[in-house]
Amino acid sequence: MPKQRKLIEPSDFERMRVFRQPISIFLQGVQIGEDVIIQSHDDELVVSTTGEKFVKANCDFLSKR
């Protein structure tokens, strides 16, 4: 299994968006998204290329590396 790194800073999210790198998303320890590509993000939300919205305060976002 590849190492995963938690996305915390806005620059972490932006890097994943610009390079279209897939991320995993967890809500209370349960995986709710896999291979998600970020379309946009702000201080509160992450929006995937499929239109799904994830609240940053409620979820953990992990990059695959």
PDB file of N, CA and C in Angstrom:
ATOM      1  N   MET A   1       0.842  -1.179   0.000  1.00  0.00           N
ATOM      2  CA  MET A   1       0.000   0.000   0.000  1.00  0.00           C
ATOM      3  C   MET A   1       0.889   1.245   0.000  1.00  0.00           C
ATOM      4  N   PRO A   2       0.595   2.226  -0.869  1.00  0.00           N
ATOM      5  CA  PRO A   2       1.426   3.430  -0.905  1.00  0.00           C
ATOM      6  C   PRO A   2       1.268   4.251   0.378  1.00  0.00           C
ATOM      7  N   LYS A   3       2.337   4.977   0.711  1.00  0.00           N
ATOM      8  CA  LYS A   3       2.265   5.877   1.852  1.00  0.00           C
ATOM      9  C   LYS A   3       1.257   6.966   1.562  1.00  0.00           C
ATOM     10  N   GLN A   4       0.564   7.419   2.598  1.00  0.00           N
ATOM     11  CA  GLN A   4      -0.379   8.511   2.422  1.00  0.00           C
ATOM     12  C   GLN A   4       0.020   9.657   3.341  1.00  0.00           C
ATOM     13  N   ARG A   5      -0.177  10.876   2.845  1.00  0.00           N
ATOM     14  CA  ARG A   5       0.172  12.070   3.608  1.00  0.00           C
ATOM     15  C   ARG A   5      -1.078  12.931   3.728  1.00  0.00           C
ATOM     16  N   LYS A   6      -1.343  13.399   4.940  1.00  0.00           N
ATOM     17  CA  LYS A   6      -2.531  14.207   5.185  1.00  0.00           C
ATOM     18  C   LYS A   6      -2.364  15.600   4.566  1.00  0.00           C
ATOM     19  N   LEU A   7      -3.400  16.035   3.864  1.00  0.00           N
ATOM     20  CA  LEU A   7      -3.411  17.386   3.299  1.00  0.00           C
ATOM     21  C   LEU A   7      -3.931  18.327   4.372  1.00  0.00           C
ATOM     22  N   ILE A   8      -3.172  19.369   4.661  1.00  0.00           N
ATOM     23  CA  ILE A   8      -3.543  20.294   5.727  1.00  0.00           C
ATOM     24  C   ILE A   8      -3.601  21.726   5.217  1.00  0.00           C
ATOM     25  N   GLU A   9      -2.519  22.164   4.607  1.00  0.00           N
ATOM     26  CA  GLU A   9      -2.395  23.550   4.156  1.00  0.00           C
ATOM     27  C   GLU A   9      -3.106  23.754   2.817  1.00  0.00           C
ATOM     28  N   PRO A  10      -3.576  24.989   2.562  1.00  0.00           N
ATOM     29  CA  PRO A  10      -4.174  25.280   1.244  1.00  0.00           C
ATOM     30  C   PRO A  10      -3.233  24.907   0.094  1.00  0.00           C
ATOM     31  N   SER A  11      -1.933  25.068   0.301  1.00  0.00           N
ATOM     32  CA  SER A  11      -0.975  24.721  -0.753  1.00  0.00           C
ATOM     33  C   SER A  11      -0.963  23.216  -1.030  1.00  0.00           C
ATOM     34  N   ASP A  12      -1.251  22.390  -0.007  1.00  0.00           N
ATOM     35  CA  ASP A  12      -1.343  20.937  -0.206  1.00  0.00           C
ATOM     36  C   ASP A  12      -2.490  20.610  -1.163  1.00  0.00           C
ATOM     37  N   PHE A  13      -3.645  21.220  -0.908  1.00  0.00           N
ATOM     38  CA  PHE A  13      -4.818  20.992  -1.749  1.00  0.00           C
ATOM     39  C   PHE A  13      -4.583  21.531  -3.165  1.00  0.00           C
ATOM     40  N   GLU A  14      -3.962  22.690  -3.247  1.00  0.00           N
ATOM     41  CA  GLU A  14      -3.714  23.306  -4.554  1.00  0.00           C
ATOM     42  C   GLU A  14      -2.764  22.451  -5.391  1.00  0.00           C
ATOM     43  N   ARG A  15      -1.753  21.904  -4.771  1.00  0.00           N
ATOM     44  CA  ARG A  15      -0.808  21.039  -5.483  1.00  0.00           C
ATOM     45  C   ARG A  15      -1.536  19.824  -6.062  1.00  0.00           C
ATOM     46  N   MET A  16      -2.402  19.213  -5.283  1.00  0.00           N
ATOM     47  CA  MET A  16      -3.167  18.049  -5.753  1.00  0.00           C
ATOM     48  C   MET A  16      -4.105  18.444  -6.896  1.00  0.00           C
ATOM     49  N   ARG A  17      -4.679  19.643  -6.815  1.00  0.00           N
ATOM     50  CA  ARG A  17      -5.584  20.123  -7.865  1.00  0.00           C
ATOM     51  C   ARG A  17      -4.826  20.379  -9.167  1.00  0.00           C
ATOM     52  N   VAL A  18      -3.743  21.147  -9.077  1.00  0.00           N
ATOM     53  CA  VAL A  18      -2.989  21.539 -10.267  1.00  0.00           C
ATOM     54  C   VAL A  18      -2.442  20.317 -11.006  1.00  0.00           C
ATOM     55  N   PHE A  19      -1.903  19.359 -10.265  1.00  0.00           N
ATOM     56  CA  PHE A  19      -1.299  18.181 -10.881  1.00  0.00           C
ATOM     57  C   PHE A  19      -2.277  17.015 -11.034  1.00  0.00           C
ATOM     58  N   ARG A  20      -3.552  17.274 -10.694  1.00  0.00           N
ATOM     59  CA  ARG A  20      -4.629  16.285 -10.857  1.00  0.00           C
ATOM     60  C   ARG A  20      -4.259  14.936 -10.231  1.00  0.00           C
ATOM     61  N   GLN A  21      -3.731  15.024  -9.012  1.00  0.00           N
ATOM     62  CA  GLN A  21      -3.342  13.825  -8.281  1.00  0.00           C
ATOM     63  C   GLN A  21      -4.536  13.293  -7.485  1.00  0.00           C
ATOM     64  N   PRO A  22      -4.775  11.992  -7.515  1.00  0.00           N
ATOM     65  CA  PRO A  22      -5.906  11.426  -6.772  1.00  0.00           C
ATOM     66  C   PRO A  22      -5.665  11.470  -5.264  1.00  0.00           C
ATOM     67  N   ILE A  23      -6.739  11.699  -4.527  1.00  0.00           N
ATOM     68  CA  ILE A  23      -6.674  11.707  -3.070  1.00  0.00           C
ATOM     69  C   ILE A  23      -7.738  10.761  -2.513  1.00  0.00           C
ATOM     70  N   SER A  24      -7.560  10.382  -1.258  1.00  0.00           N
ATOM     71  CA  SER A  24      -8.558   9.603  -0.521  1.00  0.00           C
ATOM     72  C   SER A  24      -9.166  10.512   0.524  1.00  0.00           C
ATOM     73  N   ILE A  25     -10.447  10.297   0.802  1.00  0.00           N
ATOM     74  CA  ILE A  25     -11.158  11.139   1.761  1.00  0.00           C
ATOM     75  C   ILE A  25     -11.827  10.244   2.797  1.00  0.00           C
ATOM     76  N   PHE A  26     -11.645  10.616   4.077  1.00  0.00           N
ATOM     77  CA  PHE A  26     -12.202   9.852   5.184  1.00  0.00           C
ATOM     78  C   PHE A  26     -13.082  10.746   6.048  1.00  0.00           C
ATOM     79  N   LEU A  27     -14.199  10.190   6.497  1.00  0.00           N
ATOM     80  CA  LEU A  27     -15.107  10.866   7.414  1.00  0.00           C
ATOM     81  C   LEU A  27     -15.238   9.980   8.641  1.00  0.00           C
ATOM     82  N   GLN A  28     -14.771  10.446   9.772  1.00  0.00           N
ATOM     83  CA  GLN A  28     -14.787   9.697  11.030  1.00  0.00           C
ATOM     84  C   GLN A  28     -14.163   8.312  10.865  1.00  0.00           C
ATOM     85  N   GLY A  29     -13.055   8.270  10.145  1.00  0.00           N
ATOM     86  CA  GLY A  29     -12.314   7.031   9.974  1.00  0.00           C
ATOM     87  C   GLY A  29     -12.833   6.106   8.888  1.00  0.00           C
ATOM     88  N   VAL A  30     -13.941   6.482   8.250  1.00  0.00           N
ATOM     89  CA  VAL A  30     -14.523   5.667   7.179  1.00  0.00           C
ATOM     90  C   VAL A  30     -14.208   6.315   5.837  1.00  0.00           C
ATOM     91  N   GLN A  31     -13.668   5.526   4.919  1.00  0.00           N
ATOM     92  CA  GLN A  31     -13.326   6.071   3.605  1.00  0.00           C
ATOM     93  C   GLN A  31     -14.607   6.364   2.827  1.00  0.00           C
ATOM     94  N   ILE A  32     -14.748   7.640   2.407  1.00  0.00           N
ATOM     95  CA  ILE A  32     -15.937   8.037   1.639  1.00  0.00           C
ATOM     96  C   ILE A  32     -15.571   8.453   0.220  1.00  0.00           C
ATOM     97  N   GLY A  33     -14.284   8.508  -0.074  1.00  0.00           N
ATOM     98  CA  GLY A  33     -13.841   8.842  -1.422  1.00  0.00           C
ATOM     99  C   GLY A  33     -12.485   8.245  -1.697  1.00  0.00           C
ATOM    100  N   GLU A  34     -12.335   7.691  -2.898  1.00  0.00           N
ATOM    101  CA  GLU A  34     -11.056   7.113  -3.307  1.00  0.00           C
ATOM    102  C   GLU A  34     -10.761   7.577  -4.727  1.00  0.00           C
ATOM    103  N   ASP A  35      -9.509   7.915  -4.978  1.00  0.00           N
ATOM    104  CA  ASP A  35      -9.089   8.404  -6.298  1.00  0.00           C
ATOM    105  C   ASP A  35      -9.879   9.645  -6.719  1.00  0.00           C
ATOM    106  N   VAL A  36     -10.174  10.505  -5.748  1.00  0.00           N
ATOM    107  CA  VAL A  36     -10.900  11.750  -6.000  1.00  0.00           C
ATOM    108  C   VAL A  36      -9.922  12.774  -6.579  1.00  0.00           C
ATOM    109  N   ILE A  37     -10.345  13.464  -7.627  1.00  0.00           N
ATOM    110  CA  ILE A  37      -9.558  14.546  -8.227  1.00  0.00           C
ATOM    111  C   ILE A  37     -10.219  15.863  -7.823  1.00  0.00           C
ATOM    112  N   ILE A  38      -9.437  16.784  -7.295  1.00  0.00           N
ATOM    113  CA  ILE A  38      -9.965  18.070  -6.837  1.00  0.00           C
ATOM    114  C   ILE A  38     -10.190  19.004  -8.024  1.00  0.00           C
ATOM    115  N   GLN A  39     -11.412  19.507  -8.131  1.00  0.00           N
ATOM    116  CA  GLN A  39     -11.725  20.527  -9.138  1.00  0.00           C
ATOM    117  C   GLN A  39     -11.457  21.911  -8.574  1.00  0.00           C
ATOM    118  N   SER A  40     -11.896  22.117  -7.307  1.00  0.00           N
ATOM    119  CA  SER A  40     -11.678  23.405  -6.651  1.00  0.00           C
ATOM    120  C   SER A  40     -11.704  23.198  -5.139  1.00  0.00           C
ATOM    121  N   HIS A  41     -11.243  24.224  -4.436  1.00  0.00           N
ATOM    122  CA  HIS A  41     -11.255  24.179  -2.972  1.00  0.00           C
ATOM    123  C   HIS A  41     -11.189  25.604  -2.447  1.00  0.00           C
ATOM    124  N   ASP A  42     -11.684  25.774  -1.228  1.00  0.00           N
ATOM    125  CA  ASP A  42     -11.540  27.053  -0.528  1.00  0.00           C
ATOM    126  C   ASP A  42     -11.293  26.733   0.945  1.00  0.00           C
ATOM    127  N   ASP A  43     -11.491  27.697   1.822  1.00  0.00           N
ATOM    128  CA  ASP A  43     -11.207  27.470   3.240  1.00  0.00           C
ATOM    129  C   ASP A  43     -12.141  26.439   3.869  1.00  0.00           C
ATOM    130  N   GLU A  44     -13.329  26.240   3.282  1.00  0.00           N
ATOM    131  CA  GLU A  44     -14.328  25.360   3.882  1.00  0.00           C
ATOM    132  C   GLU A  44     -14.588  24.065   3.136  1.00  0.00           C
ATOM    133  N   LEU A  45     -14.512  24.097   1.800  1.00  0.00           N
ATOM    134  CA  LEU A  45     -14.932  22.957   0.988  1.00  0.00           C
ATOM    135  C   LEU A  45     -13.879  22.497   0.000  1.00  0.00           C
ATOM    136  N   VAL A  46     -13.988  21.215  -0.347  1.00  0.00           N
ATOM    137  CA  VAL A  46     -13.264  20.644  -1.479  1.00  0.00           C
ATOM    138  C   VAL A  46     -14.335  20.127  -2.430  1.00  0.00           C
ATOM    139  N   VAL A  47     -14.233  20.488  -3.707  1.00  0.00           N
ATOM    140  CA  VAL A  47     -15.180  20.038  -4.722  1.00  0.00           C
ATOM    141  C   VAL A  47     -14.426  19.136  -5.697  1.00  0.00           C
ATOM    142  N   SER A  48     -15.001  17.948  -5.932  1.00  0.00           N
ATOM    143  CA  SER A  48     -14.360  16.990  -6.847  1.00  0.00           C
ATOM    144  C   SER A  48     -14.772  17.272  -8.284  1.00  0.00           C
ATOM    145  N   THR A  49     -14.081  16.630  -9.221  1.00  0.00           N
ATOM    146  CA  THR A  49     -14.407  16.793 -10.638  1.00  0.00           C
ATOM    147  C   THR A  49     -15.767  16.182 -10.970  1.00  0.00           C
ATOM    148  N   THR A  50     -16.301  15.358 -10.075  1.00  0.00           N
ATOM    149  CA  THR A  50     -17.634  14.791 -10.288  1.00  0.00           C
ATOM    150  C   THR A  50     -18.720  15.602  -9.587  1.00  0.00           C
ATOM    151  N   GLY A  51     -18.333  16.728  -8.970  1.00  0.00           N
ATOM    152  CA  GLY A  51     -19.301  17.615  -8.336  1.00  0.00           C
ATOM    153  C   GLY A  51     -19.581  17.339  -6.870  1.00  0.00           C
ATOM    154  N   GLU A  52     -18.941  16.322  -6.308  1.00  0.00           N
ATOM    155  CA  GLU A  52     -19.138  16.036  -4.890  1.00  0.00           C
ATOM    156  C   GLU A  52     -18.458  17.110  -4.051  1.00  0.00           C
ATOM    157  N   LYS A  53     -19.095  17.469  -2.931  1.00  0.00           N
ATOM    158  CA  LYS A  53     -18.543  18.481  -2.034  1.00  0.00           C
ATOM    159  C   LYS A  53     -18.211  17.836  -0.700  1.00  0.00           C
ATOM    160  N   PHE A  54     -17.029  18.176  -0.179  1.00  0.00           N
ATOM    161  CA  PHE A  54     -16.549  17.635   1.082  1.00  0.00           C
ATOM    162  C   PHE A  54     -16.161  18.795   1.992  1.00  0.00           C
ATOM    163  N   VAL A  55     -16.631  18.770   3.235  1.00  0.00           N
ATOM    164  CA  VAL A  55     -16.332  19.825   4.205  1.00  0.00           C
ATOM    165  C   VAL A  55     -14.973  19.547   4.834  1.00  0.00           C
ATOM    166  N   LYS A  56     -14.066  20.512   4.696  1.00  0.00           N
ATOM    167  CA  LYS A  56     -12.701  20.324   5.203  1.00  0.00           C
ATOM    168  C   LYS A  56     -12.669  20.057   6.704  1.00  0.00           C
ATOM    169  N   ALA A  57     -13.525  20.734   7.473  1.00  0.00           N
ATOM    170  CA  ALA A  57     -13.509  20.590   8.926  1.00  0.00           C
ATOM    171  C   ALA A  57     -13.959  19.203   9.374  1.00  0.00           C
ATOM    172  N   ASN A  58     -14.709  18.499   8.539  1.00  0.00           N
ATOM    173  CA  ASN A  58     -15.272  17.201   8.930  1.00  0.00           C
ATOM    174  C   ASN A  58     -14.497  16.003   8.386  1.00  0.00           C
ATOM    175  N   CYS A  59     -13.664  16.215   7.392  1.00  0.00           N
ATOM    176  CA  CYS A  59     -13.023  15.102   6.693  1.00  0.00           C
ATOM    177  C   CYS A  59     -11.504  15.160   6.824  1.00  0.00           C
ATOM    178  N   ASP A  60     -10.885  14.002   6.612  1.00  0.00           N
ATOM    179  CA  ASP A  60      -9.438  13.907   6.474  1.00  0.00           C
ATOM    180  C   ASP A  60      -9.150  13.621   5.007  1.00  0.00           C
ATOM    181  N   PHE A  61      -8.205  14.365   4.452  1.00  0.00           N
ATOM    182  CA  PHE A  61      -7.835  14.251   3.045  1.00  0.00           C
ATOM    183  C   PHE A  61      -6.407  13.734   2.973  1.00  0.00           C
ATOM    184  N   LEU A  62      -6.200  12.644   2.247  1.00  0.00           N
ATOM    185  CA  LEU A  62      -4.888  12.028   2.177  1.00  0.00           C
ATOM    186  C   LEU A  62      -4.432  11.895   0.732  1.00  0.00           C
ATOM    187  N   SER A  63      -3.184  12.293   0.502  1.00  0.00           N
ATOM    188  CA  SER A  63      -2.595  12.104  -0.829  1.00  0.00           C
ATOM    189  C   SER A  63      -1.976  10.727  -0.874  1.00  0.00           C
ATOM    190  N   LYS A  64      -1.908  10.162  -2.063  1.00  0.00           N
ATOM    191  CA  LYS A  64      -1.241   8.877  -2.251  1.00  0.00           C
ATOM    192  C   LYS A  64       0.145   9.162  -2.788  1.00  0.00           C
ATOM    193  N   ARG A  65       1.172   8.649  -2.119  1.00  0.00           N
ATOM    194  CA  ARG A  65       2.524   8.832  -2.622  1.00  0.00           C
ATOM    195  C   ARG A  65       3.325   7.606  -2.426  1.00  0.00           C
TER     196      ARG A  65
END
